[in-house]
PDB file of all heavy atoms in Angstrom:
ATOM      1  N   PRO A   1      18.394   2.978  13.316  1.00  0.00           N
ATOM      2  CA  PRO A   1      18.199   2.317  12.029  1.00  0.00           C
ATOM      3  C   PRO A   1      16.995   1.377  12.091  1.00  0.00           C
ATOM      4  O   PRO A   1      16.764   0.710  13.111  1.00  0.00           O
ATOM      5  CB  PRO A   1      19.499   1.535  11.828  1.00  0.00           C
ATOM      6  CG  PRO A   1      19.979   1.243  13.216  1.00  0.00           C
ATOM      7  CD  PRO A   1      19.550   2.425  14.050  1.00  0.00           C
ATOM      8  N   LEU A   2      16.233   1.319  11.014  1.00  0.00           N
ATOM      9  CA  LEU A   2      15.003   0.516  10.974  1.00  0.00           C
ATOM     10  C   LEU A   2      15.104  -0.687  10.039  1.00  0.00           C
ATOM     11  O   LEU A   2      14.163  -1.469   9.943  1.00  0.00           O
ATOM     12  CB  LEU A   2      13.830   1.396  10.531  1.00  0.00           C
ATOM     13  CG  LEU A   2      13.534   2.603  11.424  1.00  0.00           C
ATOM     14  CD1 LEU A   2      12.488   3.501  10.761  1.00  0.00           C
ATOM     15  CD2 LEU A   2      13.050   2.143  12.800  1.00  0.00           C
ATOM     16  N   ALA A   3      16.233  -0.833   9.365  1.00  0.00           N
ATOM     17  CA  ALA A   3      16.338  -1.880   8.343  1.00  0.00           C
ATOM     18  C   ALA A   3      16.176  -3.276   8.926  1.00  0.00           C
ATOM     19  O   ALA A   3      15.573  -4.153   8.298  1.00  0.00           O
ATOM     20  CB  ALA A   3      17.667  -1.757   7.609  1.00  0.00           C
ATOM     21  N   ALA A   4      16.708  -3.519  10.109  1.00  0.00           N
ATOM     22  CA  ALA A   4      16.630  -4.860  10.683  1.00  0.00           C
ATOM     23  C   ALA A   4      15.189  -5.264  10.968  1.00  0.00           C
ATOM     24  O   ALA A   4      14.776  -6.399  10.691  1.00  0.00           O
ATOM     25  CB  ALA A   4      17.462  -4.932  11.959  1.00  0.00           C
ATOM     26  N   SER A   5      14.396  -4.332  11.512  1.00  0.00           N
ATOM     27  CA  SER A   5      13.000  -4.662  11.816  1.00  0.00           C
ATOM     28  C   SER A   5      12.190  -4.860  10.543  1.00  0.00           C
ATOM     29  O   SER A   5      11.344  -5.761  10.460  1.00  0.00           O
ATOM     30  CB  SER A   5      12.371  -3.575  12.698  1.00  0.00           C
ATOM     31  OG  SER A   5      12.500  -2.294  12.119  1.00  0.00           O
ATOM     32  N   VAL A   6      12.448  -4.036   9.517  1.00  0.00           N
ATOM     33  CA  VAL A   6      11.734  -4.202   8.253  1.00  0.00           C
ATOM     34  C   VAL A   6      12.132  -5.525   7.590  1.00  0.00           C
ATOM     35  O   VAL A   6      11.278  -6.261   7.085  1.00  0.00           O
ATOM     36  CB  VAL A   6      12.014  -3.020   7.308  1.00  0.00           C
ATOM     37  CG1 VAL A   6      11.454  -3.297   5.920  1.00  0.00           C
ATOM     38  CG2 VAL A   6      11.410  -1.737   7.871  1.00  0.00           C
ATOM     39  N   SER A   7      13.419  -5.857   7.613  1.00  0.00           N
ATOM     40  CA  SER A   7      13.867  -7.120   7.031  1.00  0.00           C
ATOM     41  C   SER A   7      13.207  -8.305   7.719  1.00  0.00           C
ATOM     42  O   SER A   7      12.834  -9.287   7.071  1.00  0.00           O
ATOM     43  CB  SER A   7      15.391  -7.244   7.146  1.00  0.00           C
ATOM     44  OG  SER A   7      16.037  -6.281   6.346  1.00  0.00           O
ATOM     45  N   GLU A   8      13.042  -8.199   9.019  1.00  0.00           N
ATOM     46  CA  GLU A   8      12.393  -9.292   9.750  1.00  0.00           C
ATOM     47  C   GLU A   8      10.931  -9.443   9.345  1.00  0.00           C
ATOM     48  O   GLU A   8      10.414 -10.557   9.211  1.00  0.00           O
ATOM     49  CB  GLU A   8      12.503  -9.030  11.252  1.00  0.00           C
ATOM     50  CG  GLU A   8      12.114 -10.209  12.121  1.00  0.00           C
ATOM     51  CD  GLU A   8      13.037 -11.408  11.954  1.00  0.00           C
ATOM     52  OE1 GLU A   8      14.216 -11.208  11.606  1.00  0.00           O
ATOM     53  OE2 GLU A   8      12.561 -12.543  12.171  1.00  0.00           O
ATOM     54  N   LEU A   9      10.247  -8.314   9.137  1.00  0.00           N
ATOM     55  CA  LEU A   9       8.862  -8.376   8.656  1.00  0.00           C
ATOM     56  C   LEU A   9       8.789  -9.067   7.292  1.00  0.00           C
ATOM     57  O   LEU A   9       7.929  -9.915   7.053  1.00  0.00           O
ATOM     58  CB  LEU A   9       8.273  -6.968   8.552  1.00  0.00           C
ATOM     59  CG  LEU A   9       8.011  -6.205   9.850  1.00  0.00           C
ATOM     60  CD1 LEU A   9       7.538  -4.792   9.527  1.00  0.00           C
ATOM     61  CD2 LEU A   9       6.981  -6.922  10.709  1.00  0.00           C
ATOM     62  N   ILE A  10       9.698  -8.696   6.414  1.00  0.00           N
ATOM     63  CA  ILE A  10       9.691  -9.266   5.066  1.00  0.00           C
ATOM     64  C   ILE A  10      10.010 -10.758   5.110  1.00  0.00           C
ATOM     65  O   ILE A  10       9.324 -11.577   4.482  1.00  0.00           O
ATOM     66  CB  ILE A  10      10.697  -8.520   4.169  1.00  0.00           C
ATOM     67  CG1 ILE A  10      10.215  -7.086   3.932  1.00  0.00           C
ATOM     68  CG2 ILE A  10      10.876  -9.235   2.829  1.00  0.00           C
ATOM     69  CD1 ILE A  10      11.235  -6.179   3.264  1.00  0.00           C
ATOM     70  N   ARG A  11      11.015 -11.121   5.871  1.00  0.00           N
ATOM     71  CA  ARG A  11      11.421 -12.527   5.937  1.00  0.00           C
ATOM     72  C   ARG A  11      10.382 -13.380   6.672  1.00  0.00           C
ATOM     73  O   ARG A  11      10.364 -14.604   6.507  1.00  0.00           O
ATOM     74  CB  ARG A  11      12.787 -12.647   6.603  1.00  0.00           C
ATOM     75  CG  ARG A  11      13.903 -12.022   5.748  1.00  0.00           C
ATOM     76  CD  ARG A  11      15.287 -12.360   6.257  1.00  0.00           C
ATOM     77  NE  ARG A  11      16.288 -11.916   5.292  1.00  0.00           N
ATOM     78  CZ  ARG A  11      16.959 -10.784   5.389  1.00  0.00           C
ATOM     79  NH1 ARG A  11      16.746  -9.960   6.391  1.00  0.00           N
ATOM     80  NH2 ARG A  11      17.851 -10.451   4.472  1.00  0.00           N
ATOM     81  N   SER A  12       9.531 -12.745   7.463  1.00  0.00           N
ATOM     82  CA  SER A  12       8.451 -13.472   8.143  1.00  0.00           C
ATOM     83  C   SER A  12       7.282 -13.753   7.213  1.00  0.00           C
ATOM     84  O   SER A  12       6.324 -14.420   7.600  1.00  0.00           O
ATOM     85  CB  SER A  12       7.959 -12.672   9.352  1.00  0.00           C
ATOM     86  OG  SER A  12       8.988 -12.528  10.310  1.00  0.00           O
ATOM     87  N   GLY A  13       7.353 -13.210   5.994  1.00  0.00           N
ATOM     88  CA  GLY A  13       6.296 -13.454   5.020  1.00  0.00           C
ATOM     89  C   GLY A  13       5.079 -12.569   5.192  1.00  0.00           C
ATOM     90  O   GLY A  13       4.029 -12.834   4.605  1.00  0.00           O
ATOM     91  N   ILE A  14       5.202 -11.485   5.969  1.00  0.00           N
ATOM     92  CA  ILE A  14       4.078 -10.570   6.173  1.00  0.00           C
ATOM     93  C   ILE A  14       3.885  -9.734   4.909  1.00  0.00           C
ATOM     94  O   ILE A  14       4.854  -9.199   4.351  1.00  0.00           O
ATOM     95  CB  ILE A  14       4.325  -9.672   7.393  1.00  0.00           C
ATOM     96  CG1 ILE A  14       4.342 -10.536   8.665  1.00  0.00           C
ATOM     97  CG2 ILE A  14       3.262  -8.583   7.503  1.00  0.00           C
ATOM     98  CD1 ILE A  14       4.807  -9.804   9.897  1.00  0.00           C
ATOM     99  N   GLU A  15       2.664  -9.623   4.459  1.00  0.00           N
ATOM    100  CA  GLU A  15       2.350  -8.853   3.248  1.00  0.00           C
ATOM    101  C   GLU A  15       2.357  -7.363   3.599  1.00  0.00           C
ATOM    102  O   GLU A  15       1.441  -6.862   4.245  1.00  0.00           O
ATOM    103  CB  GLU A  15       0.989  -9.286   2.718  1.00  0.00           C
ATOM    104  CG  GLU A  15       0.591  -8.614   1.410  1.00  0.00           C
ATOM    105  CD  GLU A  15      -0.774  -9.059   0.929  1.00  0.00           C
ATOM    106  OE1 GLU A  15      -1.287 -10.095   1.416  1.00  0.00           O
ATOM    107  OE2 GLU A  15      -1.345  -8.358   0.062  1.00  0.00           O
ATOM    108  N   LEU A  16       3.376  -6.668   3.158  1.00  0.00           N
ATOM    109  CA  LEU A  16       3.530  -5.247   3.457  1.00  0.00           C
ATOM    110  C   LEU A  16       3.002  -4.431   2.290  1.00  0.00           C
ATOM    111  O   LEU A  16       3.573  -4.453   1.204  1.00  0.00           O
ATOM    112  CB  LEU A  16       4.999  -4.913   3.713  1.00  0.00           C
ATOM    113  CG  LEU A  16       5.676  -5.658   4.867  1.00  0.00           C
ATOM    114  CD1 LEU A  16       7.162  -5.359   4.889  1.00  0.00           C
ATOM    115  CD2 LEU A  16       5.034  -5.303   6.199  1.00  0.00           C
ATOM    116  N   HIS A  17       1.919  -3.690   2.519  1.00  0.00           N
ATOM    117  CA  HIS A  17       1.374  -2.859   1.447  1.00  0.00           C
ATOM    118  C   HIS A  17       2.098  -1.523   1.360  1.00  0.00           C
ATOM    119  O   HIS A  17       2.384  -1.028   0.275  1.00  0.00           O
ATOM    120  CB  HIS A  17      -0.122  -2.640   1.676  1.00  0.00           C
ATOM    121  CG  HIS A  17      -0.933  -3.866   1.431  1.00  0.00           C
ATOM    122  ND1 HIS A  17      -2.260  -3.976   1.781  1.00  0.00           N
ATOM    123  CD2 HIS A  17      -0.602  -5.059   0.864  1.00  0.00           C
ATOM    124  CE1 HIS A  17      -2.703  -5.173   1.437  1.00  0.00           C
ATOM    125  NE2 HIS A  17      -1.710  -5.838   0.889  1.00  0.00           N
ATOM    126  N   CYS A  18       2.394  -0.932   2.521  1.00  0.00           N
ATOM    127  CA  CYS A  18       3.077   0.367   2.528  1.00  0.00           C
ATOM    128  C   CYS A  18       3.874   0.512   3.815  1.00  0.00           C
ATOM    129  O   CYS A  18       3.435   0.065   4.884  1.00  0.00           O
ATOM    130  CB  CYS A  18       2.055   1.505   2.414  1.00  0.00           C
ATOM    131  SG  CYS A  18       2.794   3.154   2.251  1.00  0.00           S
ATOM    132  N   LEU A  19       5.037   1.126   3.700  1.00  0.00           N
ATOM    133  CA  LEU A  19       5.870   1.483   4.838  1.00  0.00           C
ATOM    134  C   LEU A  19       6.212   2.966   4.719  1.00  0.00           C
ATOM    135  O   LEU A  19       6.425   3.465   3.620  1.00  0.00           O
ATOM    136  CB  LEU A  19       7.174   0.682   4.851  1.00  0.00           C
ATOM    137  CG  LEU A  19       7.071  -0.838   4.946  1.00  0.00           C
ATOM    138  CD1 LEU A  19       8.444  -1.461   4.712  1.00  0.00           C
ATOM    139  CD2 LEU A  19       6.516  -1.262   6.298  1.00  0.00           C
ATOM    140  N   ARG A  20       6.306   3.634   5.849  1.00  0.00           N
ATOM    141  CA  ARG A  20       6.700   5.048   5.806  1.00  0.00           C
ATOM    142  C   ARG A  20       7.346   5.425   7.133  1.00  0.00           C
ATOM    143  O   ARG A  20       6.741   5.217   8.200  1.00  0.00           O
ATOM    144  CB  ARG A  20       5.482   5.938   5.544  1.00  0.00           C
ATOM    145  CG  ARG A  20       5.788   7.419   5.397  1.00  0.00           C
ATOM    146  CD  ARG A  20       6.676   7.728   4.199  1.00  0.00           C
ATOM    147  NE  ARG A  20       6.076   7.331   2.940  1.00  0.00           N
ATOM    148  CZ  ARG A  20       5.293   8.122   2.205  1.00  0.00           C
ATOM    149  NH1 ARG A  20       5.016   9.344   2.620  1.00  0.00           N
ATOM    150  NH2 ARG A  20       4.817   7.687   1.054  1.00  0.00           N
ATOM    151  N   ASP A  21       8.556   5.972   7.093  1.00  0.00           N
ATOM    152  CA  ASP A  21       9.157   6.478   8.324  1.00  0.00           C
ATOM    153  C   ASP A  21       8.600   7.858   8.614  1.00  0.00           C
ATOM    154  O   ASP A  21       8.248   8.610   7.709  1.00  0.00           O
ATOM    155  CB  ASP A  21      10.677   6.467   8.267  1.00  0.00           C
ATOM    156  CG  ASP A  21      11.249   7.239   7.094  1.00  0.00           C
ATOM    157  OD1 ASP A  21      10.524   7.460   6.112  1.00  0.00           O
ATOM    158  OD2 ASP A  21      12.436   7.621   7.167  1.00  0.00           O
ATOM    159  N   LEU A  22       8.520   8.178   9.900  1.00  0.00           N
ATOM    160  CA  LEU A  22       7.742   9.348  10.335  1.00  0.00           C
ATOM    161  C   LEU A  22       8.665  10.516  10.636  1.00  0.00           C
ATOM    162  O   LEU A  22       8.796  10.952  11.777  1.00  0.00           O
ATOM    163  CB  LEU A  22       6.913   8.977  11.570  1.00  0.00           C
ATOM    164  CG  LEU A  22       6.076   7.698  11.422  1.00  0.00           C
ATOM    165  CD1 LEU A  22       5.341   7.392  12.720  1.00  0.00           C
ATOM    166  CD2 LEU A  22       5.108   7.819  10.252  1.00  0.00           C
ATOM    167  N   THR A  23       9.281  11.048   9.603  1.00  0.00           N
ATOM    168  CA  THR A  23      10.243  12.124   9.789  1.00  0.00           C
ATOM    169  C   THR A  23       9.518  13.475   9.775  1.00  0.00           C
ATOM    170  O   THR A  23       8.596  13.682  10.537  1.00  0.00           O
ATOM    171  CB  THR A  23      11.351  12.027   8.727  1.00  0.00           C
ATOM    172  OG1 THR A  23      10.767  11.941   7.420  1.00  0.00           O
ATOM    173  CG2 THR A  23      12.203  10.792   8.964  1.00  0.00           C
ATOM    174  N   ARG A  24       9.944  14.389   8.924  1.00  0.00           N
ATOM    175  CA  ARG A  24       9.375  15.736   8.942  1.00  0.00           C
ATOM    176  C   ARG A  24       7.854  15.689   8.768  1.00  0.00           C
ATOM    177  O   ARG A  24       7.339  15.070   7.863  1.00  0.00           O
ATOM    178  CB  ARG A  24       9.989  16.578   7.832  1.00  0.00           C
ATOM    179  CG  ARG A  24       9.501  18.018   7.808  1.00  0.00           C
ATOM    180  CD  ARG A  24      10.346  18.849   6.884  1.00  0.00           C
ATOM    181  NE  ARG A  24      11.725  18.923   7.346  1.00  0.00           N
ATOM    182  CZ  ARG A  24      12.756  19.240   6.579  1.00  0.00           C
ATOM    183  NH1 ARG A  24      12.583  19.483   5.298  1.00  0.00           N
ATOM    184  NH2 ARG A  24      13.979  19.304   7.071  1.00  0.00           N
ATOM    185  N   GLY A  25       7.144  16.355   9.666  1.00  0.00           N
ATOM    186  CA  GLY A  25       5.683  16.343   9.624  1.00  0.00           C
ATOM    187  C   GLY A  25       5.055  15.265  10.464  1.00  0.00           C
ATOM    188  O   GLY A  25       3.849  15.274  10.711  1.00  0.00           O
ATOM    189  N   GLY A  26       5.857  14.296  10.922  1.00  0.00           N
ATOM    190  CA  GLY A  26       5.383  13.303  11.863  1.00  0.00           C
ATOM    191  C   GLY A  26       4.352  12.328  11.329  1.00  0.00           C
ATOM    192  O   GLY A  26       4.161  12.163  10.121  1.00  0.00           O
ATOM    193  N   LEU A  27       3.684  11.669  12.258  1.00  0.00           N
ATOM    194  CA  LEU A  27       2.703  10.633  11.941  1.00  0.00           C
ATOM    195  C   LEU A  27       1.565  11.176  11.092  1.00  0.00           C
ATOM    196  O   LEU A  27       1.170  10.560  10.093  1.00  0.00           O
ATOM    197  CB  LEU A  27       2.155  10.055  13.253  1.00  0.00           C
ATOM    198  CG  LEU A  27       1.006   9.049  13.135  1.00  0.00           C
ATOM    199  CD1 LEU A  27       1.465   7.786  12.419  1.00  0.00           C
ATOM    200  CD2 LEU A  27       0.451   8.712  14.515  1.00  0.00           C
ATOM    201  N   ALA A  28       1.025  12.317  11.454  1.00  0.00           N
ATOM    202  CA  ALA A  28      -0.141  12.853  10.745  1.00  0.00           C
ATOM    203  C   ALA A  28       0.186  13.137   9.283  1.00  0.00           C
ATOM    204  O   ALA A  28      -0.567  12.746   8.382  1.00  0.00           O
ATOM    205  CB  ALA A  28      -0.630  14.125  11.425  1.00  0.00           C
ATOM    206  N   THR A  29       1.310  13.793   9.022  1.00  0.00           N
ATOM    207  CA  THR A  29       1.661  14.142   7.647  1.00  0.00           C
ATOM    208  C   THR A  29       1.892  12.899   6.805  1.00  0.00           C
ATOM    209  O   THR A  29       1.447  12.814   5.652  1.00  0.00           O
ATOM    210  CB  THR A  29       2.908  15.038   7.630  1.00  0.00           C
ATOM    211  OG1 THR A  29       2.617  16.239   8.364  1.00  0.00           O
ATOM    212  CG2 THR A  29       3.314  15.397   6.217  1.00  0.00           C
ATOM    213  N   ALA A  30       2.582  11.901   7.362  1.00  0.00           N
ATOM    214  CA  ALA A  30       2.827  10.661   6.625  1.00  0.00           C
ATOM    215  C   ALA A  30       1.521   9.991   6.228  1.00  0.00           C
ATOM    216  O   ALA A  30       1.355   9.536   5.086  1.00  0.00           O
ATOM    217  CB  ALA A  30       3.678   9.719   7.472  1.00  0.00           C
ATOM    218  N   LEU A  31       0.576   9.934   7.146  1.00  0.00           N
ATOM    219  CA  LEU A  31      -0.694   9.269   6.858  1.00  0.00           C
ATOM    220  C   LEU A  31      -1.548  10.060   5.872  1.00  0.00           C
ATOM    221  O   LEU A  31      -2.235   9.474   5.026  1.00  0.00           O
ATOM    222  CB  LEU A  31      -1.458   9.030   8.156  1.00  0.00           C
ATOM    223  CG  LEU A  31      -0.875   7.932   9.045  1.00  0.00           C
ATOM    224  CD1 LEU A  31      -1.577   7.902  10.396  1.00  0.00           C
ATOM    225  CD2 LEU A  31      -0.975   6.566   8.371  1.00  0.00           C
ATOM    226  N   ILE A  32      -1.511  11.377   5.969  1.00  0.00           N
ATOM    227  CA  ILE A  32      -2.252  12.198   5.003  1.00  0.00           C
ATOM    228  C   ILE A  32      -1.708  11.974   3.598  1.00  0.00           C
ATOM    229  O   ILE A  32      -2.469  11.819   2.633  1.00  0.00           O
ATOM    230  CB  ILE A  32      -2.181  13.689   5.392  1.00  0.00           C
ATOM    231  CG1 ILE A  32      -2.961  13.939   6.684  1.00  0.00           C
ATOM    232  CG2 ILE A  32      -2.745  14.564   4.266  1.00  0.00           C
ATOM    233  CD1 ILE A  32      -2.712  15.299   7.307  1.00  0.00           C
ATOM    234  N   GLU A  33      -0.389  11.937   3.448  1.00  0.00           N
ATOM    235  CA  GLU A  33       0.212  11.696   2.135  1.00  0.00           C
ATOM    236  C   GLU A  33      -0.175  10.320   1.598  1.00  0.00           C
ATOM    237  O   GLU A  33      -0.476  10.164   0.410  1.00  0.00           O
ATOM    238  CB  GLU A  33       1.731  11.820   2.237  1.00  0.00           C
ATOM    239  CG  GLU A  33       2.198  13.247   2.464  1.00  0.00           C
ATOM    240  CD  GLU A  33       3.697  13.343   2.677  1.00  0.00           C
ATOM    241  OE1 GLU A  33       4.342  12.275   2.867  1.00  0.00           O
ATOM    242  OE2 GLU A  33       4.234  14.468   2.655  1.00  0.00           O
ATOM    243  N   ILE A  34      -0.191   9.315   2.457  1.00  0.00           N
ATOM    244  CA  ILE A  34      -0.581   7.967   2.030  1.00  0.00           C
ATOM    245  C   ILE A  34      -2.047   7.925   1.642  1.00  0.00           C
ATOM    246  O   ILE A  34      -2.418   7.338   0.615  1.00  0.00           O
ATOM    247  CB  ILE A  34      -0.282   6.952   3.158  1.00  0.00           C
ATOM    248  CG1 ILE A  34       1.226   6.788   3.324  1.00  0.00           C
ATOM    249  CG2 ILE A  34      -0.936   5.602   2.862  1.00  0.00           C
ATOM    250  CD1 ILE A  34       1.620   5.996   4.548  1.00  0.00           C
ATOM    251  N   ALA A  35      -2.903   8.547   2.447  1.00  0.00           N
ATOM    252  CA  ALA A  35      -4.338   8.541   2.159  1.00  0.00           C
ATOM    253  C   ALA A  35      -4.636   9.212   0.823  1.00  0.00           C
ATOM    254  O   ALA A  35      -5.454   8.721   0.030  1.00  0.00           O
ATOM    255  CB  ALA A  35      -5.103   9.240   3.288  1.00  0.00           C
TER     256      ALA A  35
END
């Protein structure tokens, strides 16, 4: 589960522009979709 780490980022006041978990298609596919 990733919710705890994301919650910590948010509560730390970090400006999050985009988040994406790297499931089907992996890192490359996620970044291509974002780009």
